[in-house]
PDB file of N, CA and C in Angstrom:
ATOM      1  N   MET A   1     -50.001 -30.224  89.873  1.00  0.00           N
ATOM      2  CA  MET A   1     -48.963 -29.667  89.026  1.00  0.00           C
ATOM      3  C   MET A   1     -48.020 -30.807  88.619  1.00  0.00           C
ATOM      4  N   LYS A   2     -47.686 -30.841  87.372  1.00  0.00           N
ATOM      5  CA  LYS A   2     -46.827 -31.877  86.812  1.00  0.00           C
ATOM      6  C   LYS A   2     -45.357 -31.532  87.071  1.00  0.00           C
ATOM      7  N   PRO A   3     -44.557 -32.527  87.559  1.00  0.00           N
ATOM      8  CA  PRO A   3     -43.137 -32.210  87.806  1.00  0.00           C
ATOM      9  C   PRO A   3     -42.415 -31.894  86.491  1.00  0.00           C
ATOM     10  N   ALA A   4     -41.457 -30.995  86.591  1.00  0.00           N
ATOM     11  CA  ALA A   4     -40.680 -30.595  85.404  1.00  0.00           C
ATOM     12  C   ALA A   4     -39.812 -31.753  84.934  1.00  0.00           C
ATOM     13  N   GLU A   5     -39.745 -31.919  83.634  1.00  0.00           N
ATOM     14  CA  GLU A   5     -38.904 -32.972  83.066  1.00  0.00           C
ATOM     15  C   GLU A   5     -37.438 -32.542  83.157  1.00  0.00           C
ATOM     16  N   PRO A   6     -36.561 -33.497  83.430  1.00  0.00           N
ATOM     17  CA  PRO A   6     -35.136 -33.128  83.480  1.00  0.00           C
ATOM     18  C   PRO A   6     -34.664 -32.710  82.091  1.00  0.00           C
ATOM     19  N   PRO A   7     -33.699 -31.828  82.036  1.00  0.00           N
ATOM     20  CA  PRO A   7     -33.193 -31.406  80.723  1.00  0.00           C
ATOM     21  C   PRO A   7     -32.547 -32.587  80.003  1.00  0.00           C
ATOM     22  N   PRO A   8     -32.538 -32.572  78.688  1.00  0.00           N
ATOM     23  CA  PRO A   8     -31.914 -33.680  77.951  1.00  0.00           C
ATOM     24  C   PRO A   8     -30.419 -33.730  78.211  1.00  0.00           C
ATOM     25  N   ARG A   9     -29.888 -34.930  78.170  1.00  0.00           N
ATOM     26  CA  ARG A   9     -28.445 -35.096  78.385  1.00  0.00           C
ATOM     27  C   ARG A   9     -27.675 -34.526  77.201  1.00  0.00           C
ATOM     28  N   PRO A  10     -26.538 -33.927  77.467  1.00  0.00           N
ATOM     29  CA  PRO A  10     -25.732 -33.428  76.349  1.00  0.00           C
ATOM     30  C   PRO A  10     -25.119 -34.621  75.602  1.00  0.00           C
ATOM     31  N   PRO A  11     -24.768 -34.434  74.342  1.00  0.00           N
ATOM     32  CA  PRO A  11     -24.151 -35.534  73.607  1.00  0.00           C
ATOM     33  C   PRO A  11     -22.781 -35.861  74.200  1.00  0.00           C
ATOM     34  N   PRO A  12     -22.328 -37.093  74.027  1.00  0.00           N
ATOM     35  CA  PRO A  12     -20.999 -37.436  74.551  1.00  0.00           C
ATOM     36  C   PRO A  12     -19.919 -36.649  73.813  1.00  0.00           C
ATOM     37  N   PRO A  13     -18.771 -36.455  74.453  1.00  0.00           N
ATOM     38  CA  PRO A  13     -17.698 -35.708  73.783  1.00  0.00           C
ATOM     39  C   PRO A  13     -17.216 -36.443  72.536  1.00  0.00           C
ATOM     40  N   TRP A  14     -16.863 -35.674  71.523  1.00  0.00           N
ATOM     41  CA  TRP A  14     -16.356 -36.262  70.288  1.00  0.00           C
ATOM     42  C   TRP A  14     -14.930 -36.720  70.515  1.00  0.00           C
ATOM     43  N   ARG A  15     -14.580 -37.902  70.018  1.00  0.00           N
ATOM     44  CA  ARG A  15     -13.230 -38.440  70.167  1.00  0.00           C
ATOM     45  C   ARG A  15     -12.663 -38.784  68.793  1.00  0.00           C
ATOM     46  N   ALA A  16     -11.366 -38.656  68.634  1.00  0.00           N
ATOM     47  CA  ALA A  16     -10.699 -38.969  67.363  1.00  0.00           C
ATOM     48  C   ALA A  16     -10.932 -40.426  66.958  1.00  0.00           C
ATOM     49  N   ILE A  17     -10.999 -41.314  67.920  1.00  0.00           N
ATOM     50  CA  ILE A  17     -11.176 -42.729  67.637  1.00  0.00           C
ATOM     51  C   ILE A  17     -12.516 -43.005  66.956  1.00  0.00           C
ATOM     52  N   SER A  18     -13.448 -42.056  67.041  1.00  0.00           N
ATOM     53  CA  SER A  18     -14.746 -42.251  66.399  1.00  0.00           C
ATOM     54  C   SER A  18     -14.623 -42.287  64.873  1.00  0.00           C
ATOM     55  N   LEU A  19     -13.476 -41.896  64.345  1.00  0.00           N
ATOM     56  CA  LEU A  19     -13.245 -41.937  62.902  1.00  0.00           C
ATOM     57  C   LEU A  19     -12.733 -43.294  62.418  1.00  0.00           C
ATOM     58  N   LYS A  20     -12.590 -44.270  63.306  1.00  0.00           N
ATOM     59  CA  LYS A  20     -11.976 -45.546  62.939  1.00  0.00           C
ATOM     60  C   LYS A  20     -12.729 -46.301  61.856  1.00  0.00           C
ATOM     61  N   ASN A  21     -14.019 -46.078  61.708  1.00  0.00           N
ATOM     62  CA  ASN A  21     -14.792 -46.788  60.682  1.00  0.00           C
ATOM     63  C   ASN A  21     -14.811 -46.075  59.343  1.00  0.00           C
ATOM     64  N   ASP A  22     -14.184 -44.926  59.263  1.00  0.00           N
ATOM     65  CA  ASP A  22     -14.114 -44.179  58.002  1.00  0.00           C
ATOM     66  C   ASP A  22     -13.028 -44.798  57.134  1.00  0.00           C
ATOM     67  N   PRO A  23     -13.367 -45.285  55.945  1.00  0.00           N
ATOM     68  CA  PRO A  23     -12.362 -45.950  55.109  1.00  0.00           C
ATOM     69  C   PRO A  23     -11.255 -45.026  54.599  1.00  0.00           C
ATOM     70  N   ALA A  24     -11.467 -43.724  54.631  1.00  0.00           N
ATOM     71  CA  ALA A  24     -10.460 -42.773  54.147  1.00  0.00           C
ATOM     72  C   ALA A  24      -9.514 -42.318  55.253  1.00  0.00           C
ATOM     73  N   ILE A  25      -9.724 -42.806  56.478  1.00  0.00           N
ATOM     74  CA  ILE A  25      -8.952 -42.350  57.635  1.00  0.00           C
ATOM     75  C   ILE A  25      -8.153 -43.507  58.225  1.00  0.00           C
ATOM     76  N   GLU A  26      -6.912 -43.207  58.588  1.00  0.00           N
ATOM     77  CA  GLU A  26      -6.043 -44.165  59.267  1.00  0.00           C
ATOM     78  C   GLU A  26      -5.836 -43.670  60.696  1.00  0.00           C
ATOM     79  N   ILE A  27      -5.976 -44.571  61.661  1.00  0.00           N
ATOM     80  CA  ILE A  27      -5.826 -44.229  63.074  1.00  0.00           C
ATOM     81  C   ILE A  27      -4.515 -44.814  63.595  1.00  0.00           C
ATOM     82  N   ALA A  28      -3.747 -44.016  64.300  1.00  0.00           N
ATOM     83  CA  ALA A  28      -2.532 -44.490  64.973  1.00  0.00           C
ATOM     84  C   ALA A  28      -2.670 -44.142  66.451  1.00  0.00           C
ATOM     85  N   GLU A  29      -2.451 -45.142  67.298  1.00  0.00           N
ATOM     86  CA  GLU A  29      -2.520 -44.946  68.752  1.00  0.00           C
ATOM     87  C   GLU A  29      -1.197 -45.382  69.356  1.00  0.00           C
ATOM     88  N   GLY A  30      -0.825 -44.766  70.459  1.00  0.00           N
ATOM     89  CA  GLY A  30       0.403 -45.183  71.121  1.00  0.00           C
ATOM     90  C   GLY A  30       0.650 -44.418  72.403  1.00  0.00           C
ATOM     91  N   THR A  31       1.762 -44.771  73.028  1.00  0.00           N
ATOM     92  CA  THR A  31       2.232 -44.039  74.204  1.00  0.00           C
ATOM     93  C   THR A  31       3.561 -43.403  73.835  1.00  0.00           C
ATOM     94  N   PHE A  32       3.895 -42.343  74.526  1.00  0.00           N
ATOM     95  CA  PHE A  32       5.145 -41.660  74.226  1.00  0.00           C
ATOM     96  C   PHE A  32       6.353 -42.414  74.766  1.00  0.00           C
ATOM     97  N   GLY A  33       6.190 -43.135  75.861  1.00  0.00           N
ATOM     98  CA  GLY A  33       7.310 -43.876  76.428  1.00  0.00           C
ATOM     99  C   GLY A  33       8.477 -42.944  76.713  1.00  0.00           C
ATOM    100  N   LYS A  34       9.657 -43.387  76.374  1.00  0.00           N
ATOM    101  CA  LYS A  34      10.858 -42.567  76.596  1.00  0.00           C
ATOM    102  C   LYS A  34      11.137 -41.630  75.433  1.00  0.00           C
ATOM    103  N   GLN A  35      10.315 -41.717  74.400  1.00  0.00           N
ATOM    104  CA  GLN A  35      10.498 -40.863  73.227  1.00  0.00           C
ATOM    105  C   GLN A  35       9.867 -39.506  73.462  1.00  0.00           C
ATOM    106  N   GLY A  36      10.324 -38.550  72.726  1.00  0.00           N
ATOM    107  CA  GLY A  36       9.712 -37.234  72.773  1.00  0.00           C
ATOM    108  C   GLY A  36       8.531 -37.176  71.833  1.00  0.00           C
ATOM    109  N   PHE A  37       7.914 -36.015  71.774  1.00  0.00           N
ATOM    110  CA  PHE A  37       6.739 -35.780  70.941  1.00  0.00           C
ATOM    111  C   PHE A  37       7.033 -36.083  69.468  1.00  0.00           C
ATOM    112  N   VAL A  38       8.105 -35.508  68.952  1.00  0.00           N
ATOM    113  CA  VAL A  38       8.442 -35.665  67.536  1.00  0.00           C
ATOM    114  C   VAL A  38       8.781 -37.117  67.208  1.00  0.00           C
ATOM    115  N   GLN A  39       9.597 -37.753  68.025  1.00  0.00           N
ATOM    116  CA  GLN A  39      10.012 -39.122  67.748  1.00  0.00           C
ATOM    117  C   GLN A  39       8.829 -40.090  67.774  1.00  0.00           C
ATOM    118  N   ALA A  40       7.954 -39.952  68.757  1.00  0.00           N
ATOM    119  CA  ALA A  40       6.814 -40.858  68.873  1.00  0.00           C
ATOM    120  C   ALA A  40       5.858 -40.700  67.691  1.00  0.00           C
ATOM    121  N   LEU A  41       5.596 -39.459  67.292  1.00  0.00           N
ATOM    122  CA  LEU A  41       4.676 -39.246  66.172  1.00  0.00           C
ATOM    123  C   LEU A  41       5.312 -39.624  64.839  1.00  0.00           C
ATOM    124  N   THR A  42       6.609 -39.435  64.714  1.00  0.00           N
ATOM    125  CA  THR A  42       7.296 -39.881  63.503  1.00  0.00           C
ATOM    126  C   THR A  42       7.194 -41.398  63.377  1.00  0.00           C
ATOM    127  N   GLN A  43       7.399 -42.091  64.479  1.00  0.00           N
ATOM    128  CA  GLN A  43       7.296 -43.547  64.485  1.00  0.00           C
ATOM    129  C   GLN A  43       5.871 -43.998  64.157  1.00  0.00           C
ATOM    130  N   ALA A  44       4.879 -43.188  64.495  1.00  0.00           N
ATOM    131  CA  ALA A  44       3.483 -43.512  64.193  1.00  0.00           C
ATOM    132  C   ALA A  44       3.119 -43.187  62.746  1.00  0.00           C
ATOM    133  N   GLY A  45       4.065 -42.616  61.993  1.00  0.00           N
ATOM    134  CA  GLY A  45       3.834 -42.343  60.577  1.00  0.00           C
ATOM    135  C   GLY A  45       3.384 -40.941  60.250  1.00  0.00           C
ATOM    136  N   VAL A  46       3.478 -40.019  61.196  1.00  0.00           N
ATOM    137  CA  VAL A  46       3.075 -38.634  60.963  1.00  0.00           C
ATOM    138  C   VAL A  46       4.261 -37.879  60.369  1.00  0.00           C
ATOM    139  N   SER A  47       4.009 -37.104  59.320  1.00  0.00           N
ATOM    140  CA  SER A  47       5.085 -36.360  58.662  1.00  0.00           C
ATOM    141  C   SER A  47       5.578 -35.216  59.551  1.00  0.00           C
ATOM    142  N   ARG A  48       6.796 -34.753  59.288  1.00  0.00           N
ATOM    143  CA  ARG A  48       7.372 -33.641  60.056  1.00  0.00           C
ATOM    144  C   ARG A  48       6.518 -32.378  59.936  1.00  0.00           C
ATOM    145  N   ALA A  49       5.987 -32.128  58.730  1.00  0.00           N
ATOM    146  CA  ALA A  49       5.162 -30.933  58.534  1.00  0.00           C
ATOM    147  C   ALA A  49       3.906 -30.987  59.404  1.00  0.00           C
ATOM    148  N   GLU A  50       3.287 -32.151  59.484  1.00  0.00           N
ATOM    149  CA  GLU A  50       2.084 -32.302  60.305  1.00  0.00           C
ATOM    150  C   GLU A  50       2.425 -32.221  61.794  1.00  0.00           C
ATOM    151  N   ILE A  51       3.581 -32.746  62.184  1.00  0.00           N
ATOM    152  CA  ILE A  51       4.014 -32.657  63.586  1.00  0.00           C
ATOM    153  C   ILE A  51       4.220 -31.195  63.979  1.00  0.00           C
ATOM    154  N   LYS A  52       4.797 -30.404  63.076  1.00  0.00           N
ATOM    155  CA  LYS A  52       4.996 -28.975  63.353  1.00  0.00           C
ATOM    156  C   LYS A  52       3.655 -28.274  63.546  1.00  0.00           C
ATOM    157  N   LYS A  53       2.671 -28.632  62.719  1.00  0.00           N
ATOM    158  CA  LYS A  53       1.340 -28.028  62.850  1.00  0.00           C
ATOM    159  C   LYS A  53       0.719 -28.388  64.198  1.00  0.00           C
ATOM    160  N   LEU A  54       0.862 -29.653  64.603  1.00  0.00           N
ATOM    161  CA  LEU A  54       0.312 -30.075  65.898  1.00  0.00           C
ATOM    162  C   LEU A  54       0.985 -29.339  67.047  1.00  0.00           C
ATOM    163  N   ALA A  55       2.311 -29.266  67.016  1.00  0.00           N
ATOM    164  CA  ALA A  55       3.044 -28.580  68.080  1.00  0.00           C
ATOM    165  C   ALA A  55       2.643 -27.102  68.139  1.00  0.00           C
ATOM    166  N   HIS A  56       2.483 -26.486  66.967  1.00  0.00           N
ATOM    167  CA  HIS A  56       2.086 -25.075  66.918  1.00  0.00           C
ATOM    168  C   HIS A  56       0.690 -24.883  67.515  1.00  0.00           C
ATOM    169  N   ALA A  57      -0.197 -25.843  67.323  1.00  0.00           N
ATOM    170  CA  ALA A  57      -1.560 -25.738  67.864  1.00  0.00           C
ATOM    171  C   ALA A  57      -1.552 -25.702  69.390  1.00  0.00           C
ATOM    172  N   PHE A  58      -0.520 -26.280  70.009  1.00  0.00           N
ATOM    173  CA  PHE A  58      -0.429 -26.300  71.463  1.00  0.00           C
ATOM    174  C   PHE A  58       0.367 -25.135  72.037  1.00  0.00           C
ATOM    175  N   ASP A  59       0.969 -24.301  71.185  1.00  0.00           N
ATOM    176  CA  ASP A  59       1.760 -23.162  71.667  1.00  0.00           C
ATOM    177  C   ASP A  59       0.953 -22.313  72.639  1.00  0.00           C
ATOM    178  N   GLY A  60       1.543 -22.044  73.787  1.00  0.00           N
ATOM    179  CA  GLY A  60       0.905 -21.215  74.786  1.00  0.00           C
ATOM    180  C   GLY A  60      -0.117 -21.939  75.651  1.00  0.00           C
ATOM    181  N   LEU A  61      -0.463 -23.168  75.275  1.00  0.00           N
ATOM    182  CA  LEU A  61      -1.445 -23.932  76.045  1.00  0.00           C
ATOM    183  C   LEU A  61      -0.799 -25.025  76.878  1.00  0.00           C
ATOM    184  N   ARG A  62       0.144 -25.711  76.255  1.00  0.00           N
ATOM    185  CA  ARG A  62       0.764 -26.858  76.912  1.00  0.00           C
ATOM    186  C   ARG A  62       2.088 -27.166  76.227  1.00  0.00           C
ATOM    187  N   ARG A  63       3.091 -27.525  77.017  1.00  0.00           N
ATOM    188  CA  ARG A  63       4.374 -27.937  76.445  1.00  0.00           C
ATOM    189  C   ARG A  63       4.242 -29.381  75.995  1.00  0.00           C
ATOM    190  N   VAL A  64       4.540 -29.628  74.749  1.00  0.00           N
ATOM    191  CA  VAL A  64       4.403 -30.990  74.223  1.00  0.00           C
ATOM    192  C   VAL A  64       5.742 -31.617  73.862  1.00  0.00           C
ATOM    193  N   ASP A  65       6.837 -30.874  74.008  1.00  0.00           N
ATOM    194  CA  ASP A  65       8.128 -31.401  73.577  1.00  0.00           C
ATOM    195  C   ASP A  65       8.627 -32.557  74.435  1.00  0.00           C
ATOM    196  N   HIS A  66       8.232 -32.620  75.701  1.00  0.00           N
ATOM    197  CA  HIS A  66       8.658 -33.709  76.583  1.00  0.00           C
ATOM    198  C   HIS A  66       7.451 -34.283  77.333  1.00  0.00           C
ATOM    199  N   PRO A  67       6.633 -35.091  76.657  1.00  0.00           N
ATOM    200  CA  PRO A  67       5.463 -35.659  77.335  1.00  0.00           C
ATOM    201  C   PRO A  67       5.881 -36.712  78.358  1.00  0.00           C
ATOM    202  N   ALA A  68       5.006 -36.969  79.316  1.00  0.00           N
ATOM    203  CA  ALA A  68       5.261 -38.013  80.308  1.00  0.00           C
ATOM    204  C   ALA A  68       5.272 -39.372  79.611  1.00  0.00           C
ATOM    205  N   PRO A  69       6.099 -40.310  80.059  1.00  0.00           N
ATOM    206  CA  PRO A  69       6.191 -41.624  79.410  1.00  0.00           C
ATOM    207  C   PRO A  69       4.861 -42.376  79.352  1.00  0.00           C
ATOM    208  N   THR A  70       3.967 -42.110  80.277  1.00  0.00           N
ATOM    209  CA  THR A  70       2.698 -42.829  80.289  1.00  0.00           C
ATOM    210  C   THR A  70       1.601 -42.144  79.478  1.00  0.00           C
ATOM    211  N   GLU A  71       1.878 -40.947  78.967  1.00  0.00           N
ATOM    212  CA  GLU A  71       0.869 -40.240  78.170  1.00  0.00           C
ATOM    213  C   GLU A  71       0.636 -40.975  76.858  1.00  0.00           C
ATOM    214  N   THR A  72      -0.626 -41.018  76.459  1.00  0.00           N
ATOM    215  CA  THR A  72      -0.997 -41.698  75.217  1.00  0.00           C
ATOM    216  C   THR A  72      -1.437 -40.677  74.179  1.00  0.00           C
ATOM    217  N   PHE A  73      -1.504 -41.125  72.935  1.00  0.00           N
ATOM    218  CA  PHE A  73      -1.985 -40.262  71.860  1.00  0.00           C
ATOM    219  C   PHE A  73      -2.797 -41.077  70.867  1.00  0.00           C
ATOM    220  N   VAL A  74      -3.672 -40.385  70.166  1.00  0.00           N
ATOM    221  CA  VAL A  74      -4.436 -40.943  69.054  1.00  0.00           C
ATOM    222  C   VAL A  74      -4.338 -39.930  67.930  1.00  0.00           C
ATOM    223  N   VAL A  75      -3.946 -40.403  66.756  1.00  0.00           N
ATOM    224  CA  VAL A  75      -3.838 -39.544  65.580  1.00  0.00           C
ATOM    225  C   VAL A  75      -4.714 -40.137  64.488  1.00  0.00           C
ATOM    226  N   ALA A  76      -5.563 -39.311  63.901  1.00  0.00           N
ATOM    227  CA  ALA A  76      -6.369 -39.717  62.751  1.00  0.00           C
ATOM    228  C   ALA A  76      -5.833 -38.957  61.543  1.00  0.00           C
ATOM    229  N   ARG A  77      -5.417 -39.725  60.513  1.00  0.00           N
ATOM    230  CA  ARG A  77      -4.841 -39.115  59.307  1.00  0.00           C
ATOM    231  C   ARG A  77      -5.602 -39.570  58.073  1.00  0.00           C
ATOM    232  N   GLU A  78      -5.672 -38.692  57.083  1.00  0.00           N
ATOM    233  CA  GLU A  78      -6.241 -39.073  55.793  1.00  0.00           C
ATOM    234  C   GLU A  78      -5.272 -40.030  55.116  1.00  0.00           C
ATOM    235  N   LYS A  79      -5.777 -41.141  54.619  1.00  0.00           N
ATOM    236  CA  LYS A  79      -4.913 -42.121  53.954  1.00  0.00           C
ATOM    237  C   LYS A  79      -4.329 -41.567  52.665  1.00  0.00           C
ATOM    238  N   ALA A  80      -5.092 -40.746  51.956  1.00  0.00           N
ATOM    239  CA  ALA A  80      -4.665 -40.245  50.663  1.00  0.00           C
ATOM    240  C   ALA A  80      -3.433 -39.345  50.724  1.00  0.00           C
ATOM    241  N   ASN A  81      -3.374 -38.467  51.725  1.00  0.00           N
ATOM    242  CA  ASN A  81      -2.279 -37.496  51.757  1.00  0.00           C
ATOM    243  C   ASN A  81      -1.567 -37.381  53.102  1.00  0.00           C
ATOM    244  N   GLY A  82      -1.981 -38.151  54.106  1.00  0.00           N
ATOM    245  CA  GLY A  82      -1.315 -38.121  55.408  1.00  0.00           C
ATOM    246  C   GLY A  82      -1.647 -36.928  56.279  1.00  0.00           C
ATOM    247  N   LYS A  83      -2.593 -36.093  55.847  1.00  0.00           N
ATOM    248  CA  LYS A  83      -2.966 -34.903  56.605  1.00  0.00           C
ATOM    249  C   LYS A  83      -3.669 -35.328  57.909  1.00  0.00           C
ATOM    250  N   VAL A  84      -3.231 -34.741  59.021  1.00  0.00           N
ATOM    251  CA  VAL A  84      -3.840 -35.027  60.316  1.00  0.00           C
ATOM    252  C   VAL A  84      -5.182 -34.328  60.392  1.00  0.00           C
ATOM    253  N   VAL A  85      -6.226 -35.101  60.689  1.00  0.00           N
ATOM    254  CA  VAL A  85      -7.577 -34.532  60.805  1.00  0.00           C
ATOM    255  C   VAL A  85      -8.040 -34.487  62.261  1.00  0.00           C
ATOM    256  N   ALA A  86      -7.378 -35.271  63.137  1.00  0.00           N
ATOM    257  CA  ALA A  86      -7.716 -35.236  64.558  1.00  0.00           C
ATOM    258  C   ALA A  86      -6.523 -35.742  65.357  1.00  0.00           C
ATOM    259  N   PHE A  87      -6.339 -35.160  66.549  1.00  0.00           N
ATOM    260  CA  PHE A  87      -5.251 -35.556  67.435  1.00  0.00           C
ATOM    261  C   PHE A  87      -5.702 -35.369  68.863  1.00  0.00           C
ATOM    262  N   GLU A  88      -5.405 -36.351  69.684  1.00  0.00           N
ATOM    263  CA  GLU A  88      -5.644 -36.200  71.123  1.00  0.00           C
ATOM    264  C   GLU A  88      -4.650 -37.041  71.868  1.00  0.00           C
TER     265      GLU A  88
END
């Protein structure tokens, strides 16, 4: 009897940084430091409207208004209009 083949490995998790080679996408990375969520993302070039959308996406899941100073973020935005297409 032939031994059963192991199941195929699942694909690696998708990450926002994987968009770095897309010419239409701009990537911003950083740490929150002593800044809050809004201040850090504003400094990274994210508009207030997009920050509100991100904060709303976390409602009920996680408080994002006061991140830990060592927490990092990656934001992928469309260069043409600044719309956030990925955040982690």
